[in-house]
């Protein structure tokens, strides 16, 4: 088995079966397919297209991909940095991920870009809705789950359970790492390994008892940024809200 310490790959669009770890739901007007992106010298990428969840009938399932593929399984990855290599299609898009914190509560984070609505952060006991900005073209979106959990819910991040991608994006890679790496710092063999390493992730996906539920607490959310970078440059989006749990 291929192992790269400090890195865990969930998706590599150039692999033979890039969505083997993922389940998908496709609405009548949506699509999930692999296409050629000329900006990446003809590399194949995953394209998710469709209407946003708020613009479809309530009894319809939105187009999305989700990892793990089963709703009864959880990733339980402890690495704190979640990275998306994605293209801004200049349409409303949404990223969702669920974590478990040190209190054994499950928290959902929903990041929304290019939205007419949801331009102000909203925090509930179980879910944080956070707007973010992508630059034109391809972006590397790096999210520090440890910092995000601490700043929003004032508790410690333990593990990542699930990732869901909604329209409208193109995806090249999704992976986790143990810390932030500069462009000239990450070993080349790490990136070379991504196209194969995701294949072995399926063997380590774990099931978790559904009994664990988020309980009610009351905390004040401090103003802190979500970090986004393109070509290893950082920019910030301010967020602030109150949390009731």
C-alpha atoms as a PDB file:
ATOM      1  CA  UNK A   1       0.000   0.000   0.000  1.00  0.00           C
ATOM      2  CA  UNK A   2       1.239   3.463  -0.904  1.00  0.00           C
ATOM      3  CA  UNK A   3       1.557   5.700   2.150  1.00  0.00           C
ATOM      4  CA  UNK A   4       2.547   9.356   2.328  1.00  0.00           C
ATOM      5  CA  UNK A   5       2.866  10.537   5.894  1.00  0.00           C
ATOM      6  CA  UNK A   6       1.058  13.794   6.614  1.00  0.00           C
ATOM      7  CA  UNK A   7      -1.116  13.698   3.463  1.00  0.00           C
ATOM      8  CA  UNK A   8      -4.446  12.068   2.636  1.00  0.00           C
ATOM      9  CA  UNK A   9      -5.961  12.302  -0.855  1.00  0.00           C
ATOM     10  CA  UNK A  10      -9.717  12.175  -1.448  1.00  0.00           C
ATOM     11  CA  UNK A  11      -9.882  13.066  -5.136  1.00  0.00           C
ATOM     12  CA  UNK A  12      -7.477  13.280  -8.068  1.00  0.00           C
ATOM     13  CA  UNK A  13      -9.149  14.083 -11.373  1.00  0.00           C
ATOM     14  CA  UNK A  14      -6.365  12.526 -13.479  1.00  0.00           C
ATOM     15  CA  UNK A  15      -6.676   9.099 -11.856  1.00  0.00           C
ATOM     16  CA  UNK A  16      -8.378   6.180 -13.604  1.00  0.00           C
ATOM     17  CA  UNK A  17     -11.404   6.264 -11.282  1.00  0.00           C
ATOM     18  CA  UNK A  18     -11.363   9.687  -9.618  1.00  0.00           C
ATOM     19  CA  UNK A  19     -14.753   9.292  -7.898  1.00  0.00           C
ATOM     20  CA  UNK A  20     -14.289   5.756  -6.568  1.00  0.00           C
ATOM     21  CA  UNK A  21     -14.488   7.044  -2.979  1.00  0.00           C
ATOM     22  CA  UNK A  22     -17.446   9.287  -3.720  1.00  0.00           C
ATOM     23  CA  UNK A  23     -21.180   8.912  -4.060  1.00  0.00           C
ATOM     24  CA  UNK A  24     -23.179  11.259  -6.256  1.00  0.00           C
ATOM     25  CA  UNK A  25     -26.662  12.621  -6.750  1.00  0.00           C
ATOM     26  CA  UNK A  26     -27.588  14.138 -10.115  1.00  0.00           C
ATOM     27  CA  UNK A  27     -30.713  16.237 -10.658  1.00  0.00           C
ATOM     28  CA  UNK A  28     -32.469  16.362 -14.040  1.00  0.00           C
ATOM     29  CA  UNK A  29     -30.768  19.631 -14.949  1.00  0.00           C
ATOM     30  CA  UNK A  30     -27.398  18.751 -13.411  1.00  0.00           C
ATOM     31  CA  UNK A  31     -24.303  16.818 -14.415  1.00  0.00           C
ATOM     32  CA  UNK A  32     -21.151  15.343 -12.901  1.00  0.00           C
ATOM     33  CA  UNK A  33     -18.588  14.440 -15.533  1.00  0.00           C
ATOM     34  CA  UNK A  34     -14.925  14.549 -16.425  1.00  0.00           C
ATOM     35  CA  UNK A  35     -13.976  17.217 -18.957  1.00  0.00           C
ATOM     36  CA  UNK A  36     -10.783  18.609 -20.468  1.00  0.00           C
ATOM     37  CA  UNK A  37      -9.642  21.970 -19.081  1.00  0.00           C
ATOM     38  CA  UNK A  38      -7.496  23.937 -21.515  1.00  0.00           C
ATOM     39  CA  UNK A  39      -6.104  26.164 -18.765  1.00  0.00           C
ATOM     40  CA  UNK A  40      -4.431  23.066 -17.323  1.00  0.00           C
ATOM     41  CA  UNK A  41      -2.834  22.057 -20.635  1.00  0.00           C
ATOM     42  CA  UNK A  42      -5.610  19.625 -21.441  1.00  0.00           C
ATOM     43  CA  UNK A  43      -5.743  17.837 -18.079  1.00  0.00           C
ATOM     44  CA  UNK A  44      -9.040  16.145 -17.272  1.00  0.00           C
ATOM     45  CA  UNK A  45     -10.991  17.565 -14.332  1.00  0.00           C
ATOM     46  CA  UNK A  46     -14.282  16.821 -12.575  1.00  0.00           C
ATOM     47  CA  UNK A  47     -17.040  19.284 -13.471  1.00  0.00           C
ATOM     48  CA  UNK A  48     -20.166  19.657 -11.328  1.00  0.00           C
ATOM     49  CA  UNK A  49     -22.925  21.698 -12.959  1.00  0.00           C
ATOM     50  CA  UNK A  50     -26.510  22.345 -11.906  1.00  0.00           C
ATOM     51  CA  UNK A  51     -28.933  24.543 -10.067  1.00  0.00           C
ATOM     52  CA  UNK A  52     -28.193  25.425  -6.479  1.00  0.00           C
ATOM     53  CA  UNK A  53     -30.056  23.711  -3.663  1.00  0.00           C
ATOM     54  CA  UNK A  54     -32.210  26.757  -2.963  1.00  0.00           C
ATOM     55  CA  UNK A  55     -33.490  26.959  -6.543  1.00  0.00           C
ATOM     56  CA  UNK A  56     -34.812  23.393  -6.913  1.00  0.00           C
ATOM     57  CA  UNK A  57     -38.082  21.901  -5.570  1.00  0.00           C
ATOM     58  CA  UNK A  58     -37.932  20.884  -1.922  1.00  0.00           C
ATOM     59  CA  UNK A  59     -38.761  17.276  -2.748  1.00  0.00           C
ATOM     60  CA  UNK A  60     -35.870  17.000  -5.229  1.00  0.00           C
ATOM     61  CA  UNK A  61     -32.287  16.016  -4.494  1.00  0.00           C
ATOM     62  CA  UNK A  62     -29.620  18.518  -5.584  1.00  0.00           C
ATOM     63  CA  UNK A  63     -26.692  17.612  -7.786  1.00  0.00           C
ATOM     64  CA  UNK A  64     -23.676  16.860  -5.593  1.00  0.00           C
ATOM     65  CA  UNK A  65     -20.815  14.479  -4.874  1.00  0.00           C
ATOM     66  CA  UNK A  66     -20.070  13.280  -1.346  1.00  0.00           C
ATOM     67  CA  UNK A  67     -17.300  11.393   0.407  1.00  0.00           C
ATOM     68  CA  UNK A  68     -17.671   8.790   1.834  1.00  0.00           C
ATOM     69  CA  UNK A  69     -20.178   7.378  -0.631  1.00  0.00           C
ATOM     70  CA  UNK A  70     -22.352   5.872   2.139  1.00  0.00           C
ATOM     71  CA  UNK A  71     -24.251   8.041   4.619  1.00  0.00           C
ATOM     72  CA  UNK A  72     -23.496   5.429   7.291  1.00  0.00           C
ATOM     73  CA  UNK A  73     -19.726   5.810   6.980  1.00  0.00           C
ATOM     74  CA  UNK A  74     -17.384   8.526   8.217  1.00  0.00           C
ATOM     75  CA  UNK A  75     -13.876   9.443   7.134  1.00  0.00           C
ATOM     76  CA  UNK A  76     -12.453  10.131  10.608  1.00  0.00           C
ATOM     77  CA  UNK A  77      -9.366  11.846   9.188  1.00  0.00           C
ATOM     78  CA  UNK A  78      -7.452  13.776  11.853  1.00  0.00           C
ATOM     79  CA  UNK A  79      -5.276  15.885   9.533  1.00  0.00           C
ATOM     80  CA  UNK A  80      -6.219  19.565  10.084  1.00  0.00           C
ATOM     81  CA  UNK A  81      -5.688  21.227   6.688  1.00  0.00           C
ATOM     82  CA  UNK A  82      -8.318  20.623   3.983  1.00  0.00           C
ATOM     83  CA  UNK A  83      -7.327  21.690   0.458  1.00  0.00           C
ATOM     84  CA  UNK A  84      -9.445  22.080  -2.676  1.00  0.00           C
ATOM     85  CA  UNK A  85      -7.873  22.734  -6.082  1.00  0.00           C
ATOM     86  CA  UNK A  86     -10.918  24.113  -7.863  1.00  0.00           C
ATOM     87  CA  UNK A  87     -12.012  26.395 -10.673  1.00  0.00           C
ATOM     88  CA  UNK A  88     -14.364  29.320 -10.211  1.00  0.00           C
ATOM     89  CA  UNK A  89     -17.162  28.985 -12.782  1.00  0.00           C
ATOM     90  CA  UNK A  90     -18.593  32.374 -11.744  1.00  0.00           C
ATOM     91  CA  UNK A  91     -21.858  30.844 -10.585  1.00  0.00           C
ATOM     92  CA  UNK A  92     -23.203  30.246  -7.111  1.00  0.00           C
ATOM     93  CA  UNK A  93     -21.400  27.298  -5.551  1.00  0.00           C
ATOM     94  CA  UNK A  94     -21.351  25.525  -2.213  1.00  0.00           C
ATOM     95  CA  UNK A  95     -18.916  23.366  -0.257  1.00  0.00           C
ATOM     96  CA  UNK A  96     -20.009  21.469   2.840  1.00  0.00           C
ATOM     97  CA  UNK A  97     -17.977  19.478   5.337  1.00  0.00           C
ATOM     98  CA  UNK A  98     -18.710  17.921   8.723  1.00  0.00           C
ATOM     99  CA  UNK A  99     -16.278  17.529  11.594  1.00  0.00           C
ATOM    100  CA  UNK A 100     -16.271  16.100  15.106  1.00  0.00           C
ATOM    101  CA  UNK A 101     -14.883  18.301  17.872  1.00  0.00           C
ATOM    102  CA  UNK A 102     -13.285  17.423  21.191  1.00  0.00           C
ATOM    103  CA  UNK A 103     -16.701  17.470  22.878  1.00  0.00           C
ATOM    104  CA  UNK A 104     -17.780  14.726  20.451  1.00  0.00           C
ATOM    105  CA  UNK A 105     -20.280  17.096  18.821  1.00  0.00           C
ATOM    106  CA  UNK A 106     -20.713  17.113  15.070  1.00  0.00           C
ATOM    107  CA  UNK A 107     -20.430  20.496  13.373  1.00  0.00           C
ATOM    108  CA  UNK A 108     -21.235  21.330   9.763  1.00  0.00           C
ATOM    109  CA  UNK A 109     -19.533  24.111   7.843  1.00  0.00           C
ATOM    110  CA  UNK A 110     -21.199  25.343   4.648  1.00  0.00           C
ATOM    111  CA  UNK A 111     -19.124  27.680   2.484  1.00  0.00           C
ATOM    112  CA  UNK A 112     -20.955  29.636  -0.218  1.00  0.00           C
ATOM    113  CA  UNK A 113     -19.431  31.630  -3.091  1.00  0.00           C
ATOM    114  CA  UNK A 114     -20.832  33.888  -5.833  1.00  0.00           C
ATOM    115  CA  UNK A 115     -24.121  33.997  -3.926  1.00  0.00           C
ATOM    116  CA  UNK A 116     -26.820  36.617  -4.273  1.00  0.00           C
ATOM    117  CA  UNK A 117     -28.066  35.511  -0.874  1.00  0.00           C
ATOM    118  CA  UNK A 118     -26.101  34.392   2.197  1.00  0.00           C
ATOM    119  CA  UNK A 119     -23.547  37.192   2.106  1.00  0.00           C
ATOM    120  CA  UNK A 120     -23.439  37.424   5.900  1.00  0.00           C
ATOM    121  CA  UNK A 121     -22.126  34.593   8.108  1.00  0.00           C
ATOM    122  CA  UNK A 122     -24.760  32.708  10.071  1.00  0.00           C
ATOM    123  CA  UNK A 123     -23.908  30.428  12.994  1.00  0.00           C
ATOM    124  CA  UNK A 124     -26.253  27.879  14.560  1.00  0.00           C
ATOM    125  CA  UNK A 125     -25.519  25.211  17.209  1.00  0.00           C
ATOM    126  CA  UNK A 126     -24.817  22.613  14.532  1.00  0.00           C
ATOM    127  CA  UNK A 127     -24.007  24.554  11.356  1.00  0.00           C
ATOM    128  CA  UNK A 128     -21.908  27.536  10.289  1.00  0.00           C
ATOM    129  CA  UNK A 129     -22.852  29.246   6.993  1.00  0.00           C
ATOM    130  CA  UNK A 130     -19.857  31.211   5.734  1.00  0.00           C
ATOM    131  CA  UNK A 131     -19.457  33.215   2.499  1.00  0.00           C
ATOM    132  CA  UNK A 132     -16.107  32.998   0.720  1.00  0.00           C
ATOM    133  CA  UNK A 133     -14.532  34.440  -2.418  1.00  0.00           C
ATOM    134  CA  UNK A 134     -12.769  32.656  -5.265  1.00  0.00           C
ATOM    135  CA  UNK A 135     -10.620  34.496  -7.770  1.00  0.00           C
ATOM    136  CA  UNK A 136     -11.165  33.995 -11.492  1.00  0.00           C
ATOM    137  CA  UNK A 137      -9.845  30.736 -12.886  1.00  0.00           C
ATOM    138  CA  UNK A 138      -8.161  28.038 -10.819  1.00  0.00           C
ATOM    139  CA  UNK A 139      -7.770  28.453  -7.062  1.00  0.00           C
ATOM    140  CA  UNK A 140      -6.171  26.554  -4.228  1.00  0.00           C
ATOM    141  CA  UNK A 141      -8.558  26.879  -1.288  1.00  0.00           C
ATOM    142  CA  UNK A 142      -6.809  25.876   1.935  1.00  0.00           C
ATOM    143  CA  UNK A 143      -8.951  25.594   5.077  1.00  0.00           C
ATOM    144  CA  UNK A 144      -7.422  25.192   8.519  1.00  0.00           C
ATOM    145  CA  UNK A 145     -10.070  23.032  10.214  1.00  0.00           C
ATOM    146  CA  UNK A 146      -8.384  23.324  13.578  1.00  0.00           C
ATOM    147  CA  UNK A 147      -8.454  27.126  13.556  1.00  0.00           C
ATOM    148  CA  UNK A 148     -11.939  27.290  12.046  1.00  0.00           C
ATOM    149  CA  UNK A 149     -13.431  25.011  14.704  1.00  0.00           C
ATOM    150  CA  UNK A 150     -11.721  26.951  17.493  1.00  0.00           C
ATOM    151  CA  UNK A 151     -12.753  30.355  16.185  1.00  0.00           C
ATOM    152  CA  UNK A 152     -16.372  29.498  15.411  1.00  0.00           C
ATOM    153  CA  UNK A 153     -17.285  27.039  18.182  1.00  0.00           C
ATOM    154  CA  UNK A 154     -14.495  27.663  20.723  1.00  0.00           C
ATOM    155  CA  UNK A 155     -13.595  23.995  20.886  1.00  0.00           C
ATOM    156  CA  UNK A 156     -10.891  21.770  19.417  1.00  0.00           C
ATOM    157  CA  UNK A 157     -11.063  19.999  16.068  1.00  0.00           C
ATOM    158  CA  UNK A 158     -10.724  16.222  16.251  1.00  0.00           C
ATOM    159  CA  UNK A 159     -11.474  14.761  12.812  1.00  0.00           C
ATOM    160  CA  UNK A 160     -13.123  15.281   9.434  1.00  0.00           C
ATOM    161  CA  UNK A 161     -16.200  13.109   8.845  1.00  0.00           C
ATOM    162  CA  UNK A 162     -17.611  14.057   5.461  1.00  0.00           C
ATOM    163  CA  UNK A 163     -17.156  16.340   2.437  1.00  0.00           C
ATOM    164  CA  UNK A 164     -19.925  17.364   0.001  1.00  0.00           C
ATOM    165  CA  UNK A 165     -19.424  19.373  -3.194  1.00  0.00           C
ATOM    166  CA  UNK A 166     -22.406  21.066  -4.853  1.00  0.00           C
ATOM    167  CA  UNK A 167     -22.499  22.876  -8.228  1.00  0.00           C
ATOM    168  CA  UNK A 168     -20.827  24.894  -9.719  1.00  0.00           C
ATOM    169  CA  UNK A 169     -17.129  24.004  -9.752  1.00  0.00           C
ATOM    170  CA  UNK A 170     -14.395  22.198 -11.610  1.00  0.00           C
ATOM    171  CA  UNK A 171     -12.188  20.061  -9.368  1.00  0.00           C
ATOM    172  CA  UNK A 172      -8.644  18.848  -9.836  1.00  0.00           C
ATOM    173  CA  UNK A 173      -7.712  17.651  -6.358  1.00  0.00           C
ATOM    174  CA  UNK A 174      -9.102  17.405  -2.832  1.00  0.00           C
ATOM    175  CA  UNK A 175      -6.744  16.369  -0.052  1.00  0.00           C
ATOM    176  CA  UNK A 176      -5.748  16.880   3.570  1.00  0.00           C
ATOM    177  CA  UNK A 177      -2.337  17.622   5.024  1.00  0.00           C
ATOM    178  CA  UNK A 178      -0.755  17.959   8.445  1.00  0.00           C
ATOM    179  CA  UNK A 179       0.137  21.671   8.128  1.00  0.00           C
ATOM    180  CA  UNK A 180       0.488  24.554   5.692  1.00  0.00           C
ATOM    181  CA  UNK A 181       3.236  24.059   3.103  1.00  0.00           C
ATOM    182  CA  UNK A 182       4.872  26.722   0.952  1.00  0.00           C
ATOM    183  CA  UNK A 183       5.130  26.057  -2.784  1.00  0.00           C
ATOM    184  CA  UNK A 184       8.850  25.285  -2.642  1.00  0.00           C
ATOM    185  CA  UNK A 185       8.532  23.231   0.532  1.00  0.00           C
ATOM    186  CA  UNK A 186       6.178  20.399  -0.427  1.00  0.00           C
ATOM    187  CA  UNK A 187       8.073  17.378  -1.774  1.00  0.00           C
ATOM    188  CA  UNK A 188       7.379  16.644  -5.448  1.00  0.00           C
ATOM    189  CA  UNK A 189       6.710  12.987  -4.690  1.00  0.00           C
ATOM    190  CA  UNK A 190       3.694  14.020  -2.592  1.00  0.00           C
ATOM    191  CA  UNK A 191       1.911  15.471  -5.612  1.00  0.00           C
ATOM    192  CA  UNK A 192       3.041  12.634  -7.861  1.00  0.00           C
ATOM    193  CA  UNK A 193       1.495  10.217  -5.378  1.00  0.00           C
ATOM    194  CA  UNK A 194      -1.946  11.860  -5.324  1.00  0.00           C
ATOM    195  CA  UNK A 195      -3.132  10.200  -8.519  1.00  0.00           C
ATOM    196  CA  UNK A 196      -2.698   6.784  -6.907  1.00  0.00           C
ATOM    197  CA  UNK A 197      -2.962   7.393  -3.191  1.00  0.00           C
ATOM    198  CA  UNK A 198      -6.713   8.101  -3.180  1.00  0.00           C
ATOM    199  CA  UNK A 199      -7.352   4.510  -4.286  1.00  0.00           C
ATOM    200  CA  UNK A 200      -6.295   3.196  -0.909  1.00  0.00           C
ATOM    201  CA  UNK A 201      -8.475   5.567   1.116  1.00  0.00           C
ATOM    202  CA  UNK A 202     -11.548   3.344   0.642  1.00  0.00           C
ATOM    203  CA  UNK A 203      -9.937   0.611   2.744  1.00  0.00           C
ATOM    204  CA  UNK A 204      -9.699   2.867   5.804  1.00  0.00           C
ATOM    205  CA  UNK A 205     -13.121   4.592   5.834  1.00  0.00           C
ATOM    206  CA  UNK A 206     -14.714   3.907   9.207  1.00  0.00           C
ATOM    207  CA  UNK A 207     -18.276   3.625  10.464  1.00  0.00           C
ATOM    208  CA  UNK A 208     -19.399   5.606  13.504  1.00  0.00           C
ATOM    209  CA  UNK A 209     -22.311   5.079  15.858  1.00  0.00           C
ATOM    210  CA  UNK A 210     -25.152   7.454  14.938  1.00  0.00           C
ATOM    211  CA  UNK A 211     -25.921   8.127  18.611  1.00  0.00           C
ATOM    212  CA  UNK A 212     -23.479  11.062  18.741  1.00  0.00           C
ATOM    213  CA  UNK A 213     -25.489  14.273  18.338  1.00  0.00           C
ATOM    214  CA  UNK A 214     -24.679  17.916  18.831  1.00  0.00           C
ATOM    215  CA  UNK A 215     -26.025  19.289  22.108  1.00  0.00           C
ATOM    216  CA  UNK A 216     -27.113  22.775  23.090  1.00  0.00           C
ATOM    217  CA  UNK A 217     -24.557  25.308  24.308  1.00  0.00           C
ATOM    218  CA  UNK A 218     -24.345  29.093  24.125  1.00  0.00           C
ATOM    219  CA  UNK A 219     -21.148  30.796  22.985  1.00  0.00           C
ATOM    220  CA  UNK A 220     -20.102  34.047  21.342  1.00  0.00           C
ATOM    221  CA  UNK A 221     -18.309  33.817  18.008  1.00  0.00           C
ATOM    222  CA  UNK A 222     -15.230  36.022  17.640  1.00  0.00           C
ATOM    223  CA  UNK A 223     -14.399  37.773  14.381  1.00  0.00           C
ATOM    224  CA  UNK A 224     -11.824  35.732  12.458  1.00  0.00           C
ATOM    225  CA  UNK A 225     -11.027  35.124   8.779  1.00  0.00           C
ATOM    226  CA  UNK A 226     -11.409  32.108   6.543  1.00  0.00           C
ATOM    227  CA  UNK A 227      -8.215  31.799   4.575  1.00  0.00           C
ATOM    228  CA  UNK A 228      -8.151  31.365   0.803  1.00  0.00           C
ATOM    229  CA  UNK A 229      -5.177  31.375  -1.494  1.00  0.00           C
ATOM    230  CA  UNK A 230      -4.505  31.247  -5.208  1.00  0.00           C
ATOM    231  CA  UNK A 231      -1.001  30.408  -6.346  1.00  0.00           C
ATOM    232  CA  UNK A 232       0.034  30.300  -2.696  1.00  0.00           C
ATOM    233  CA  UNK A 233      -1.125  33.893  -2.003  1.00  0.00           C
ATOM    234  CA  UNK A 234      -3.432  34.509   0.931  1.00  0.00           C
ATOM    235  CA  UNK A 235      -6.531  36.696   1.193  1.00  0.00           C
ATOM    236  CA  UNK A 236      -9.132  37.002   3.905  1.00  0.00           C
ATOM    237  CA  UNK A 237     -12.900  37.092   4.290  1.00  0.00           C
ATOM    238  CA  UNK A 238     -14.121  38.404   7.656  1.00  0.00           C
ATOM    239  CA  UNK A 239     -16.797  36.499   9.502  1.00  0.00           C
ATOM    240  CA  UNK A 240     -18.642  37.171  12.727  1.00  0.00           C
ATOM    241  CA  UNK A 241     -21.808  35.873  14.349  1.00  0.00           C
ATOM    242  CA  UNK A 242     -23.322  34.451  17.502  1.00  0.00           C
ATOM    243  CA  UNK A 243     -23.655  30.749  18.182  1.00  0.00           C
ATOM    244  CA  UNK A 244     -26.444  29.193  20.179  1.00  0.00           C
ATOM    245  CA  UNK A 245     -26.095  25.572  21.040  1.00  0.00           C
END
